[in-house]
Amino acid sequence: MKTQYANVFINGQQIGLLTREADNYIFRYNDAYLQSGGPAVSLSLPTTRQTYISNYLFPFFAGLLAEGTNKSLQTRQLHLAEADDFARLLLTAHTQTIGAVTVREVSGHE
């Protein structure tokens, strides 16, 4: 599986990078955001220099996704597997979120 990257924003300000590798999801705040003293994206991901690593999509980011009938509709329209939450996050959370947090895919990230 190819590594995928997404910038995470709060009210349009880039705050960190969310990554999906073969078996892990990784989230890390940007140094500039940490220095600004901005709020955490969620209580489960406090603003620290720590790199957060998980075997599944962090619950906060999974919570940005539609559920039930809307999830089924999205996966059919976007031609995605029902279980591919990261791809759905990249394709929907750049504009279709409730609240201040958006997620935008980074292409060509090294």
PDB file of N, CA and C in Angstrom:
ATOM      1  N   MET A   1       0.837  -1.182   0.000  1.00  0.00           N
ATOM      2  CA  MET A   1       0.000   0.000   0.000  1.00  0.00           C
ATOM      3  C   MET A   1       0.882   1.246   0.000  1.00  0.00           C
ATOM      4  N   LYS A   2       0.513   2.187  -0.824  1.00  0.00           N
ATOM      5  CA  LYS A   2       1.220   3.462  -0.912  1.00  0.00           C
ATOM      6  C   LYS A   2       0.885   4.320   0.303  1.00  0.00           C
ATOM      7  N   THR A   3       1.892   4.961   0.878  1.00  0.00           N
ATOM      8  CA  THR A   3       1.672   5.866   1.998  1.00  0.00           C
ATOM      9  C   THR A   3       0.871   7.068   1.516  1.00  0.00           C
ATOM     10  N   GLN A   4      -0.131   7.457   2.314  1.00  0.00           N
ATOM     11  CA  GLN A   4      -0.970   8.603   1.980  1.00  0.00           C
ATOM     12  C   GLN A   4      -0.853   9.651   3.084  1.00  0.00           C
ATOM     13  N   TYR A   5      -0.952  10.921   2.686  1.00  0.00           N
ATOM     14  CA  TYR A   5      -0.781  12.034   3.604  1.00  0.00           C
ATOM     15  C   TYR A   5      -1.954  13.004   3.488  1.00  0.00           C
ATOM     16  N   ALA A   6      -2.299  13.607   4.617  1.00  0.00           N
ATOM     17  CA  ALA A   6      -3.349  14.623   4.628  1.00  0.00           C
ATOM     18  C   ALA A   6      -2.981  15.726   5.611  1.00  0.00           C
ATOM     19  N   ASN A   7      -3.130  16.962   5.172  1.00  0.00           N
ATOM     20  CA  ASN A   7      -2.982  18.102   6.074  1.00  0.00           C
ATOM     21  C   ASN A   7      -4.264  18.268   6.862  1.00  0.00           C
ATOM     22  N   VAL A   8      -4.125  18.583   8.127  1.00  0.00           N
ATOM     23  CA  VAL A   8      -5.270  18.805   9.007  1.00  0.00           C
ATOM     24  C   VAL A   8      -5.316  20.300   9.323  1.00  0.00           C
ATOM     25  N   PHE A   9      -6.520  20.878   9.240  1.00  0.00           N
ATOM     26  CA  PHE A   9      -6.718  22.310   9.440  1.00  0.00           C
ATOM     27  C   PHE A   9      -7.769  22.555  10.512  1.00  0.00           C
ATOM     28  N   ILE A  10      -7.583  23.614  11.284  1.00  0.00           N
ATOM     29  CA  ILE A  10      -8.617  24.141  12.170  1.00  0.00           C
ATOM     30  C   ILE A  10      -8.895  25.563  11.706  1.00  0.00           C
ATOM     31  N   ASN A  11     -10.129  25.821  11.334  1.00  0.00           N
ATOM     32  CA  ASN A  11     -10.516  27.143  10.808  1.00  0.00           C
ATOM     33  C   ASN A  11      -9.566  27.629   9.717  1.00  0.00           C
ATOM     34  N   GLY A  12      -9.162  26.725   8.842  1.00  0.00           N
ATOM     35  CA  GLY A  12      -8.302  27.075   7.718  1.00  0.00           C
ATOM     36  C   GLY A  12      -6.822  27.155   8.024  1.00  0.00           C
ATOM     37  N   GLN A  13      -6.433  27.025   9.289  1.00  0.00           N
ATOM     38  CA  GLN A  13      -5.013  27.057   9.666  1.00  0.00           C
ATOM     39  C   GLN A  13      -4.483  25.627   9.726  1.00  0.00           C
ATOM     40  N   GLN A  14      -3.411  25.368   8.988  1.00  0.00           N
ATOM     41  CA  GLN A  14      -2.823  24.031   9.006  1.00  0.00           C
ATOM     42  C   GLN A  14      -2.212  23.765  10.377  1.00  0.00           C
ATOM     43  N   ILE A  15      -2.606  22.636  10.973  1.00  0.00           N
ATOM     44  CA  ILE A  15      -2.127  22.330  12.320  1.00  0.00           C
ATOM     45  C   ILE A  15      -1.273  21.078  12.386  1.00  0.00           C
ATOM     46  N   GLY A  16      -1.400  20.192  11.406  1.00  0.00           N
ATOM     47  CA  GLY A  16      -0.641  18.948  11.485  1.00  0.00           C
ATOM     48  C   GLY A  16      -0.794  18.089  10.253  1.00  0.00           C
ATOM     49  N   LEU A  17      -0.182  16.910  10.332  1.00  0.00           N
ATOM     50  CA  LEU A  17      -0.172  15.968   9.219  1.00  0.00           C
ATOM     51  C   LEU A  17      -0.689  14.619   9.702  1.00  0.00           C
ATOM     52  N   LEU A  18      -1.657  14.080   8.967  1.00  0.00           N
ATOM     53  CA  LEU A  18      -2.202  12.757   9.216  1.00  0.00           C
ATOM     54  C   LEU A  18      -1.705  11.844   8.107  1.00  0.00           C
ATOM     55  N   THR A  19      -1.144  10.709   8.473  1.00  0.00           N
ATOM     56  CA  THR A  19      -0.533   9.800   7.509  1.00  0.00           C
ATOM     57  C   THR A  19      -1.116   8.410   7.667  1.00  0.00           C
ATOM     58  N   ARG A  20      -1.331   7.729   6.525  1.00  0.00           N
ATOM     59  CA  ARG A  20      -1.673   6.314   6.564  1.00  0.00           C
ATOM     60  C   ARG A  20      -0.548   5.558   5.892  1.00  0.00           C
ATOM     61  N   GLU A  21       0.100   4.695   6.676  1.00  0.00           N
ATOM     62  CA  GLU A  21       1.120   3.791   6.153  1.00  0.00           C
ATOM     63  C   GLU A  21       0.498   2.401   6.077  1.00  0.00           C
ATOM     64  N   ALA A  22       1.270   1.411   5.735  1.00  0.00           N
ATOM     65  CA  ALA A  22       0.759   0.058   5.532  1.00  0.00           C
ATOM     66  C   ALA A  22      -0.138  -0.412   6.669  1.00  0.00           C
ATOM     67  N   ASP A  23       0.335  -0.361   7.890  1.00  0.00           N
ATOM     68  CA  ASP A  23      -0.424  -0.894   9.024  1.00  0.00           C
ATOM     69  C   ASP A  23      -0.703   0.131  10.105  1.00  0.00           C
ATOM     70  N   ASN A  24      -0.395   1.399   9.863  1.00  0.00           N
ATOM     71  CA  ASN A  24      -0.518   2.405  10.911  1.00  0.00           C
ATOM     72  C   ASN A  24      -1.076   3.719  10.388  1.00  0.00           C
ATOM     73  N   TYR A  25      -1.686   4.443  11.315  1.00  0.00           N
ATOM     74  CA  TYR A  25      -2.071   5.831  11.103  1.00  0.00           C
ATOM     75  C   TYR A  25      -1.200   6.664  12.033  1.00  0.00           C
ATOM     76  N   ILE A  26      -0.742   7.798  11.538  1.00  0.00           N
ATOM     77  CA  ILE A  26       0.176   8.645  12.300  1.00  0.00           C
ATOM     78  C   ILE A  26      -0.356  10.075  12.252  1.00  0.00           C
ATOM     79  N   PHE A  27      -0.348  10.741  13.399  1.00  0.00           N
ATOM     80  CA  PHE A  27      -0.704  12.154  13.439  1.00  0.00           C
ATOM     81  C   PHE A  27       0.358  12.901  14.213  1.00  0.00           C
ATOM     82  N   ARG A  28       0.761  14.051  13.667  1.00  0.00           N
ATOM     83  CA  ARG A  28       1.740  14.899  14.339  1.00  0.00           C
ATOM     84  C   ARG A  28       1.395  16.353  14.069  1.00  0.00           C
ATOM     85  N   TYR A  29       1.425  17.155  15.125  1.00  0.00           N
ATOM     86  CA  TYR A  29       1.210  18.594  14.984  1.00  0.00           C
ATOM     87  C   TYR A  29       2.427  19.238  14.334  1.00  0.00           C
ATOM     88  N   ASN A  30       2.201  20.308  13.557  1.00  0.00           N
ATOM     89  CA  ASN A  30       3.288  21.100  12.995  1.00  0.00           C
ATOM     90  C   ASN A  30       3.976  21.874  14.121  1.00  0.00           C
ATOM     91  N   ASP A  31       5.284  22.040  14.009  1.00  0.00           N
ATOM     92  CA  ASP A  31       6.030  22.804  15.014  1.00  0.00           C
ATOM     93  C   ASP A  31       5.510  24.235  15.135  1.00  0.00           C
ATOM     94  N   ALA A  32       5.206  24.860  14.006  1.00  0.00           N
ATOM     95  CA  ALA A  32       4.713  26.247  14.042  1.00  0.00           C
ATOM     96  C   ALA A  32       3.392  26.334  14.786  1.00  0.00           C
ATOM     97  N   TYR A  33       2.539  25.346  14.611  1.00  0.00           N
ATOM     98  CA  TYR A  33       1.256  25.357  15.324  1.00  0.00           C
ATOM     99  C   TYR A  33       1.479  25.167  16.819  1.00  0.00           C
ATOM    100  N   LEU A  34       2.371  24.272  17.174  1.00  0.00           N
ATOM    101  CA  LEU A  34       2.665  24.065  18.599  1.00  0.00           C
ATOM    102  C   LEU A  34       3.172  25.356  19.238  1.00  0.00           C
ATOM    103  N   GLN A  35       4.025  26.083  18.524  1.00  0.00           N
ATOM    104  CA  GLN A  35       4.572  27.332  19.042  1.00  0.00           C
ATOM    105  C   GLN A  35       3.501  28.418  19.170  1.00  0.00           C
ATOM    106  N   SER A  36       2.463  28.329  18.353  1.00  0.00           N
ATOM    107  CA  SER A  36       1.405  29.340  18.397  1.00  0.00           C
ATOM    108  C   SER A  36       0.493  29.180  19.615  1.00  0.00           C
ATOM    109  N   GLY A  37       0.536  28.006  20.236  1.00  0.00           N
ATOM    110  CA  GLY A  37      -0.292  27.770  21.412  1.00  0.00           C
ATOM    111  C   GLY A  37      -1.750  27.505  21.095  1.00  0.00           C
ATOM    112  N   GLY A  38      -2.033  27.116  19.862  1.00  0.00           N
ATOM    113  CA  GLY A  38      -3.410  26.838  19.463  1.00  0.00           C
ATOM    114  C   GLY A  38      -3.988  25.620  20.171  1.00  0.00           C
ATOM    115  N   PRO A  39      -5.313  25.465  20.088  1.00  0.00           N
ATOM    116  CA  PRO A  39      -5.980  24.360  20.777  1.00  0.00           C
ATOM    117  C   PRO A  39      -5.700  23.009  20.126  1.00  0.00           C
ATOM    118  N   ALA A  40      -5.891  21.963  20.892  1.00  0.00           N
ATOM    119  CA  ALA A  40      -5.768  20.601  20.374  1.00  0.00           C
ATOM    120  C   ALA A  40      -6.916  20.321  19.410  1.00  0.00           C
ATOM    121  N   VAL A  41      -6.663  19.452  18.468  1.00  0.00           N
ATOM    122  CA  VAL A  41      -7.711  19.053  17.534  1.00  0.00           C
ATOM    123  C   VAL A  41      -8.782  18.243  18.267  1.00  0.00           C
ATOM    124  N   SER A  42      -8.382  17.539  19.320  1.00  0.00           N
ATOM    125  CA  SER A  42      -9.329  16.789  20.153  1.00  0.00           C
ATOM    126  C   SER A  42      -8.688  16.510  21.509  1.00  0.00           C
ATOM    127  N   LEU A  43      -9.504  16.140  22.476  1.00  0.00           N
ATOM    128  CA  LEU A  43      -8.970  15.799  23.800  1.00  0.00           C
ATOM    129  C   LEU A  43      -8.081  14.566  23.741  1.00  0.00           C
ATOM    130  N   SER A  44      -8.353  13.674  22.803  1.00  0.00           N
ATOM    131  CA  SER A  44      -7.562  12.444  22.685  1.00  0.00           C
ATOM    132  C   SER A  44      -6.235  12.662  21.963  1.00  0.00           C
ATOM    133  N   LEU A  45      -6.037  13.849  21.375  1.00  0.00           N
ATOM    134  CA  LEU A  45      -4.790  14.188  20.677  1.00  0.00           C
ATOM    135  C   LEU A  45      -4.290  15.547  21.183  1.00  0.00           C
ATOM    136  N   PRO A  46      -3.815  15.604  22.438  1.00  0.00           N
ATOM    137  CA  PRO A  46      -3.368  16.881  22.998  1.00  0.00           C
ATOM    138  C   PRO A  46      -2.207  17.490  22.198  1.00  0.00           C
ATOM    139  N   THR A  47      -2.074  18.801  22.264  1.00  0.00           N
ATOM    140  CA  THR A  47      -1.007  19.486  21.537  1.00  0.00           C
ATOM    141  C   THR A  47       0.334  19.255  22.236  1.00  0.00           C
ATOM    142  N   THR A  48       1.084  18.317  21.680  1.00  0.00           N
ATOM    143  CA  THR A  48       2.436  18.007  22.152  1.00  0.00           C
ATOM    144  C   THR A  48       3.287  17.688  20.927  1.00  0.00           C
ATOM    145  N   ARG A  49       4.568  17.583  21.147  1.00  0.00           N
ATOM    146  CA  ARG A  49       5.485  17.194  20.064  1.00  0.00           C
ATOM    147  C   ARG A  49       5.418  15.690  19.789  1.00  0.00           C
ATOM    148  N   GLN A  50       4.646  14.992  20.578  1.00  0.00           N
ATOM    149  CA  GLN A  50       4.508  13.545  20.427  1.00  0.00           C
ATOM    150  C   GLN A  50       3.966  13.197  19.048  1.00  0.00           C
ATOM    151  N   THR A  51       4.453  12.101  18.494  1.00  0.00           N
ATOM    152  CA  THR A  51       3.880  11.541  17.287  1.00  0.00           C
ATOM    153  C   THR A  51       2.889  10.476  17.721  1.00  0.00           C
ATOM    154  N   TYR A  52       1.641  10.632  17.327  1.00  0.00           N
ATOM    155  CA  TYR A  52       0.591   9.679  17.691  1.00  0.00           C
ATOM    156  C   TYR A  52       0.518   8.591  16.630  1.00  0.00           C
ATOM    157  N   ILE A  53       0.517   7.341  17.055  1.00  0.00           N
ATOM    158  CA  ILE A  53       0.484   6.205  16.139  1.00  0.00           C
ATOM    159  C   ILE A  53      -0.635   5.268  16.571  1.00  0.00           C
ATOM    160  N   SER A  54      -1.401   4.777  15.598  1.00  0.00           N
ATOM    161  CA  SER A  54      -2.516   3.886  15.886  1.00  0.00           C
ATOM    162  C   SER A  54      -2.649   2.835  14.779  1.00  0.00           C
ATOM    163  N   ASN A  55      -3.202   1.685  15.125  1.00  0.00           N
ATOM    164  CA  ASN A  55      -3.474   0.638  14.131  1.00  0.00           C
ATOM    165  C   ASN A  55      -4.778   0.891  13.393  1.00  0.00           C
ATOM    166  N   TYR A  56      -5.548   1.865  13.822  1.00  0.00           N
ATOM    167  CA  TYR A  56      -6.821   2.198  13.191  1.00  0.00           C
ATOM    168  C   TYR A  56      -6.931   3.719  13.116  1.00  0.00           C
ATOM    169  N   LEU A  57      -7.837   4.197  12.263  1.00  0.00           N
ATOM    170  CA  LEU A  57      -8.022   5.640  12.129  1.00  0.00           C
ATOM    171  C   LEU A  57      -8.427   6.213  13.478  1.00  0.00           C
ATOM    172  N   PHE A  58      -7.732   7.253  13.912  1.00  0.00           N
ATOM    173  CA  PHE A  58      -8.003   7.866  15.205  1.00  0.00           C
ATOM    174  C   PHE A  58      -9.505   8.176  15.319  1.00  0.00           C
ATOM    175  N   PRO A  59     -10.122   7.860  16.461  1.00  0.00           N
ATOM    176  CA  PRO A  59     -11.564   8.069  16.609  1.00  0.00           C
ATOM    177  C   PRO A  59     -12.024   9.488  16.280  1.00  0.00           C
ATOM    178  N   PHE A  60     -11.224  10.502  16.604  1.00  0.00           N
ATOM    179  CA  PHE A  60     -11.641  11.864  16.279  1.00  0.00           C
ATOM    180  C   PHE A  60     -11.860  12.013  14.780  1.00  0.00           C
ATOM    181  N   PHE A  61     -10.914  11.534  13.973  1.00  0.00           N
ATOM    182  CA  PHE A  61     -11.029  11.670  12.522  1.00  0.00           C
ATOM    183  C   PHE A  61     -12.125  10.776  11.970  1.00  0.00           C
ATOM    184  N   ALA A  62     -12.300   9.589  12.524  1.00  0.00           N
ATOM    185  CA  ALA A  62     -13.400   8.712  12.110  1.00  0.00           C
ATOM    186  C   ALA A  62     -14.740   9.383  12.397  1.00  0.00           C
ATOM    187  N   GLY A  63     -14.781  10.193  13.448  1.00  0.00           N
ATOM    188  CA  GLY A  63     -16.004  10.899  13.807  1.00  0.00           C
ATOM    189  C   GLY A  63     -16.402  11.987  12.817  1.00  0.00           C
ATOM    190  N   LEU A  64     -15.496  12.371  11.933  1.00  0.00           N
ATOM    191  CA  LEU A  64     -15.813  13.354  10.899  1.00  0.00           C
ATOM    192  C   LEU A  64     -16.575  12.730   9.734  1.00  0.00           C
ATOM    193  N   LEU A  65     -16.647  11.410   9.714  1.00  0.00           N
ATOM    194  CA  LEU A  65     -17.229  10.687   8.580  1.00  0.00           C
ATOM    195  C   LEU A  65     -18.721  10.442   8.767  1.00  0.00           C
ATOM    196  N   ALA A  66     -19.414  10.398   7.643  1.00  0.00           N
ATOM    197  CA  ALA A  66     -20.839  10.060   7.651  1.00  0.00           C
ATOM    198  C   ALA A  66     -21.008   8.597   8.045  1.00  0.00           C
ATOM    199  N   GLU A  67     -22.182   8.288   8.576  1.00  0.00           N
ATOM    200  CA  GLU A  67     -22.488   6.923   8.993  1.00  0.00           C
ATOM    201  C   GLU A  67     -23.776   6.461   8.321  1.00  0.00           C
ATOM    202  N   GLY A  68     -24.078   5.184   8.478  1.00  0.00           N
ATOM    203  CA  GLY A  68     -25.349   4.628   8.028  1.00  0.00           C
ATOM    204  C   GLY A  68     -25.593   4.782   6.541  1.00  0.00           C
ATOM    205  N   THR A  69     -26.781   5.272   6.201  1.00  0.00           N
ATOM    206  CA  THR A  69     -27.181   5.416   4.805  1.00  0.00           C
ATOM    207  C   THR A  69     -26.265   6.371   4.061  1.00  0.00           C
ATOM    208  N   ASN A  70     -25.861   7.456   4.713  1.00  0.00           N
ATOM    209  CA  ASN A  70     -24.967   8.416   4.048  1.00  0.00           C
ATOM    210  C   ASN A  70     -23.606   7.794   3.759  1.00  0.00           C
ATOM    211  N   LYS A  71     -23.106   6.950   4.653  1.00  0.00           N
ATOM    212  CA  LYS A  71     -21.850   6.245   4.408  1.00  0.00           C
ATOM    213  C   LYS A  71     -21.994   5.333   3.191  1.00  0.00           C
ATOM    214  N   SER A  72     -23.058   4.583   3.143  1.00  0.00           N
ATOM    215  CA  SER A  72     -23.292   3.685   2.004  1.00  0.00           C
ATOM    216  C   SER A  72     -23.381   4.462   0.701  1.00  0.00           C
ATOM    217  N   LEU A  73     -24.075   5.572   0.731  1.00  0.00           N
ATOM    218  CA  LEU A  73     -24.202   6.417  -0.454  1.00  0.00           C
ATOM    219  C   LEU A  73     -22.839   6.942  -0.895  1.00  0.00           C
ATOM    220  N   GLN A  74     -22.060   7.439   0.063  1.00  0.00           N
ATOM    221  CA  GLN A  74     -20.724   7.962  -0.265  1.00  0.00           C
ATOM    222  C   GLN A  74     -19.834   6.878  -0.870  1.00  0.00           C
ATOM    223  N   THR A  75     -19.798   5.707  -0.252  1.00  0.00           N
ATOM    224  CA  THR A  75     -18.901   4.659  -0.752  1.00  0.00           C
ATOM    225  C   THR A  75     -19.306   4.208  -2.150  1.00  0.00           C
ATOM    226  N   ARG A  76     -20.609   4.158  -2.427  1.00  0.00           N
ATOM    227  CA  ARG A  76     -21.055   3.794  -3.785  1.00  0.00           C
ATOM    228  C   ARG A  76     -20.671   4.877  -4.786  1.00  0.00           C
ATOM    229  N   GLN A  77     -20.959   6.133  -4.455  1.00  0.00           N
ATOM    230  CA  GLN A  77     -20.688   7.228  -5.386  1.00  0.00           C
ATOM    231  C   GLN A  77     -19.193   7.433  -5.627  1.00  0.00           C
ATOM    232  N   LEU A  78     -18.389   7.200  -4.595  1.00  0.00           N
ATOM    233  CA  LEU A  78     -16.944   7.409  -4.700  1.00  0.00           C
ATOM    234  C   LEU A  78     -16.191   6.145  -5.112  1.00  0.00           C
ATOM    235  N   HIS A  79     -16.926   5.045  -5.270  1.00  0.00           N
ATOM    236  CA  HIS A  79     -16.350   3.749  -5.659  1.00  0.00           C
ATOM    237  C   HIS A  79     -15.271   3.308  -4.677  1.00  0.00           C
ATOM    238  N   LEU A  80     -15.625   3.321  -3.386  1.00  0.00           N
ATOM    239  CA  LEU A  80     -14.704   2.944  -2.320  1.00  0.00           C
ATOM    240  C   LEU A  80     -15.210   1.707  -1.602  1.00  0.00           C
ATOM    241  N   ALA A  81     -14.279   0.987  -0.999  1.00  0.00           N
ATOM    242  CA  ALA A  81     -14.661  -0.104  -0.109  1.00  0.00           C
ATOM    243  C   ALA A  81     -15.270   0.500   1.148  1.00  0.00           C
ATOM    244  N   GLU A  82     -16.296  -0.148   1.690  1.00  0.00           N
ATOM    245  CA  GLU A  82     -16.959   0.358   2.904  1.00  0.00           C
ATOM    246  C   GLU A  82     -15.974   0.559   4.049  1.00  0.00           C
ATOM    247  N   ALA A  83     -14.932  -0.269   4.111  1.00  0.00           N
ATOM    248  CA  ALA A  83     -13.982  -0.214   5.230  1.00  0.00           C
ATOM    249  C   ALA A  83     -12.872   0.814   5.032  1.00  0.00           C
ATOM    250  N   ASP A  84     -12.802   1.461   3.871  1.00  0.00           N
ATOM    251  CA  ASP A  84     -11.699   2.393   3.595  1.00  0.00           C
ATOM    252  C   ASP A  84     -12.030   3.794   4.106  1.00  0.00           C
ATOM    253  N   ASP A  85     -11.992   3.936   5.418  1.00  0.00           N
ATOM    254  CA  ASP A  85     -12.327   5.222   6.036  1.00  0.00           C
ATOM    255  C   ASP A  85     -11.336   6.321   5.686  1.00  0.00           C
ATOM    256  N   PHE A  86     -10.061   5.993   5.522  1.00  0.00           N
ATOM    257  CA  PHE A  86      -9.080   7.039   5.220  1.00  0.00           C
ATOM    258  C   PHE A  86      -9.352   7.645   3.851  1.00  0.00           C
ATOM    259  N   ALA A  87      -9.616   6.813   2.859  1.00  0.00           N
ATOM    260  CA  ALA A  87      -9.918   7.330   1.521  1.00  0.00           C
ATOM    261  C   ALA A  87     -11.179   8.193   1.556  1.00  0.00           C
ATOM    262  N   ARG A  88     -12.177   7.753   2.290  1.00  0.00           N
ATOM    263  CA  ARG A  88     -13.413   8.527   2.417  1.00  0.00           C
ATOM    264  C   ARG A  88     -13.154   9.851   3.127  1.00  0.00           C
ATOM    265  N   LEU A  89     -12.287   9.824   4.143  1.00  0.00           N
ATOM    266  CA  LEU A  89     -11.903  11.055   4.834  1.00  0.00           C
ATOM    267  C   LEU A  89     -11.261  12.037   3.857  1.00  0.00           C
ATOM    268  N   LEU A  90     -10.338  11.544   3.028  1.00  0.00           N
ATOM    269  CA  LEU A  90      -9.655  12.417   2.072  1.00  0.00           C
ATOM    270  C   LEU A  90     -10.614  13.012   1.047  1.00  0.00           C
ATOM    271  N   LEU A  91     -11.614  12.227   0.654  1.00  0.00           N
ATOM    272  CA  LEU A  91     -12.521  12.671  -0.400  1.00  0.00           C
ATOM    273  C   LEU A  91     -13.705  13.499   0.096  1.00  0.00           C
ATOM    274  N   THR A  92     -13.962  13.487   1.409  1.00  0.00           N
ATOM    275  CA  THR A  92     -15.135  14.218   1.894  1.00  0.00           C
ATOM    276  C   THR A  92     -14.829  15.272   2.953  1.00  0.00           C
ATOM    277  N   ALA A  93     -13.779  15.097   3.736  1.00  0.00           N
ATOM    278  CA  ALA A  93     -13.556  15.981   4.888  1.00  0.00           C
ATOM    279  C   ALA A  93     -12.834  17.274   4.540  1.00  0.00           C
ATOM    280  N   HIS A  94     -12.606  17.551   3.279  1.00  0.00           N
ATOM    281  CA  HIS A  94     -12.004  18.836   2.917  1.00  0.00           C
ATOM    282  C   HIS A  94     -13.065  19.935   2.886  1.00  0.00           C
ATOM    283  N   THR A  95     -14.332  19.544   2.760  1.00  0.00           N
ATOM    284  CA  THR A  95     -15.405  20.543   2.742  1.00  0.00           C
ATOM    285  C   THR A  95     -16.631  20.114   3.522  1.00  0.00           C
ATOM    286  N   GLN A  96     -16.885  18.848   3.616  1.00  0.00           N
ATOM    287  CA  GLN A  96     -18.164  18.376   4.152  1.00  0.00           C
ATOM    288  C   GLN A  96     -18.077  17.973   5.624  1.00  0.00           C
ATOM    289  N   THR A  97     -17.538  18.844   6.453  1.00  0.00           N
ATOM    290  CA  THR A  97     -17.467  18.538   7.884  1.00  0.00           C
ATOM    291  C   THR A  97     -18.321  19.526   8.670  1.00  0.00           C
ATOM    292  N   ILE A  98     -18.747  19.072   9.826  1.00  0.00           N
ATOM    293  CA  ILE A  98     -19.455  19.949  10.751  1.00  0.00           C
ATOM    294  C   ILE A  98     -18.407  20.418  11.752  1.00  0.00           C
ATOM    295  N   GLY A  99     -18.217  21.702  11.860  1.00  0.00           N
ATOM    296  CA  GLY A  99     -17.224  22.215  12.795  1.00  0.00           C
ATOM    297  C   GLY A  99     -16.037  22.823  12.090  1.00  0.00           C
ATOM    298  N   ALA A 100     -14.985  23.042  12.852  1.00  0.00           N
ATOM    299  CA  ALA A 100     -13.831  23.814  12.396  1.00  0.00           C
ATOM    300  C   ALA A 100     -12.760  22.986  11.710  1.00  0.00           C
ATOM    301  N   VAL A 101     -12.798  21.665  11.819  1.00  0.00           N
ATOM    302  CA  VAL A 101     -11.702  20.819  11.334  1.00  0.00           C
ATOM    303  C   VAL A 101     -11.984  20.331   9.914  1.00  0.00           C
ATOM    304  N   THR A 102     -10.984  20.497   9.048  1.00  0.00           N
ATOM    305  CA  THR A 102     -11.029  19.929   7.704  1.00  0.00           C
ATOM    306  C   THR A 102      -9.732  19.165   7.456  1.00  0.00           C
ATOM    307  N   VAL A 103      -9.795  18.270   6.480  1.00  0.00           N
ATOM    308  CA  VAL A 103      -8.666  17.414   6.137  1.00  0.00           C
ATOM    309  C   VAL A 103      -8.507  17.443   4.626  1.00  0.00           C
ATOM    310  N   ARG A 104      -7.288  17.695   4.163  1.00  0.00           N
ATOM    311  CA  ARG A 104      -7.044  17.780   2.713  1.00  0.00           C
ATOM    312  C   ARG A 104      -5.847  16.911   2.330  1.00  0.00           C
ATOM    313  N   GLU A 105      -6.051  16.123   1.308  1.00  0.00           N
ATOM    314  CA  GLU A 105      -4.991  15.221   0.841  1.00  0.00           C
ATOM    315  C   GLU A 105      -3.790  16.017   0.372  1.00  0.00           C
ATOM    316  N   VAL A 106      -2.611  15.461   0.655  1.00  0.00           N
ATOM    317  CA  VAL A 106      -1.348  16.012   0.174  1.00  0.00           C
ATOM    318  C   VAL A 106      -0.852  15.070  -0.909  1.00  0.00           C
ATOM    319  N   SER A 107      -0.689  15.566  -2.111  1.00  0.00           N
ATOM    320  CA  SER A 107      -0.160  14.722  -3.180  1.00  0.00           C
ATOM    321  C   SER A 107       1.316  15.029  -3.384  1.00  0.00           C
ATOM    322  N   GLY A 108       2.073  14.000  -3.695  1.00  0.00           N
ATOM    323  CA  GLY A 108       3.495  14.177  -3.951  1.00  0.00           C
ATOM    324  C   GLY A 108       4.313  14.441  -2.714  1.00  0.00           C
ATOM    325  N   HIS A 109       3.814  14.096  -1.526  1.00  0.00           N
ATOM    326  CA  HIS A 109       4.554  14.315  -0.263  1.00  0.00           C
ATOM    327  C   HIS A 109       5.717  13.341  -0.182  1.00  0.00           C
ATOM    328  N   GLU A 110       6.840  13.822   0.235  1.00  0.00           N
ATOM    329  CA  GLU A 110       8.032  12.964   0.406  1.00  0.00           C
ATOM    330  C   GLU A 110       8.363  12.880   1.869  1.00  0.00           C
TER     331      GLU A 110
END
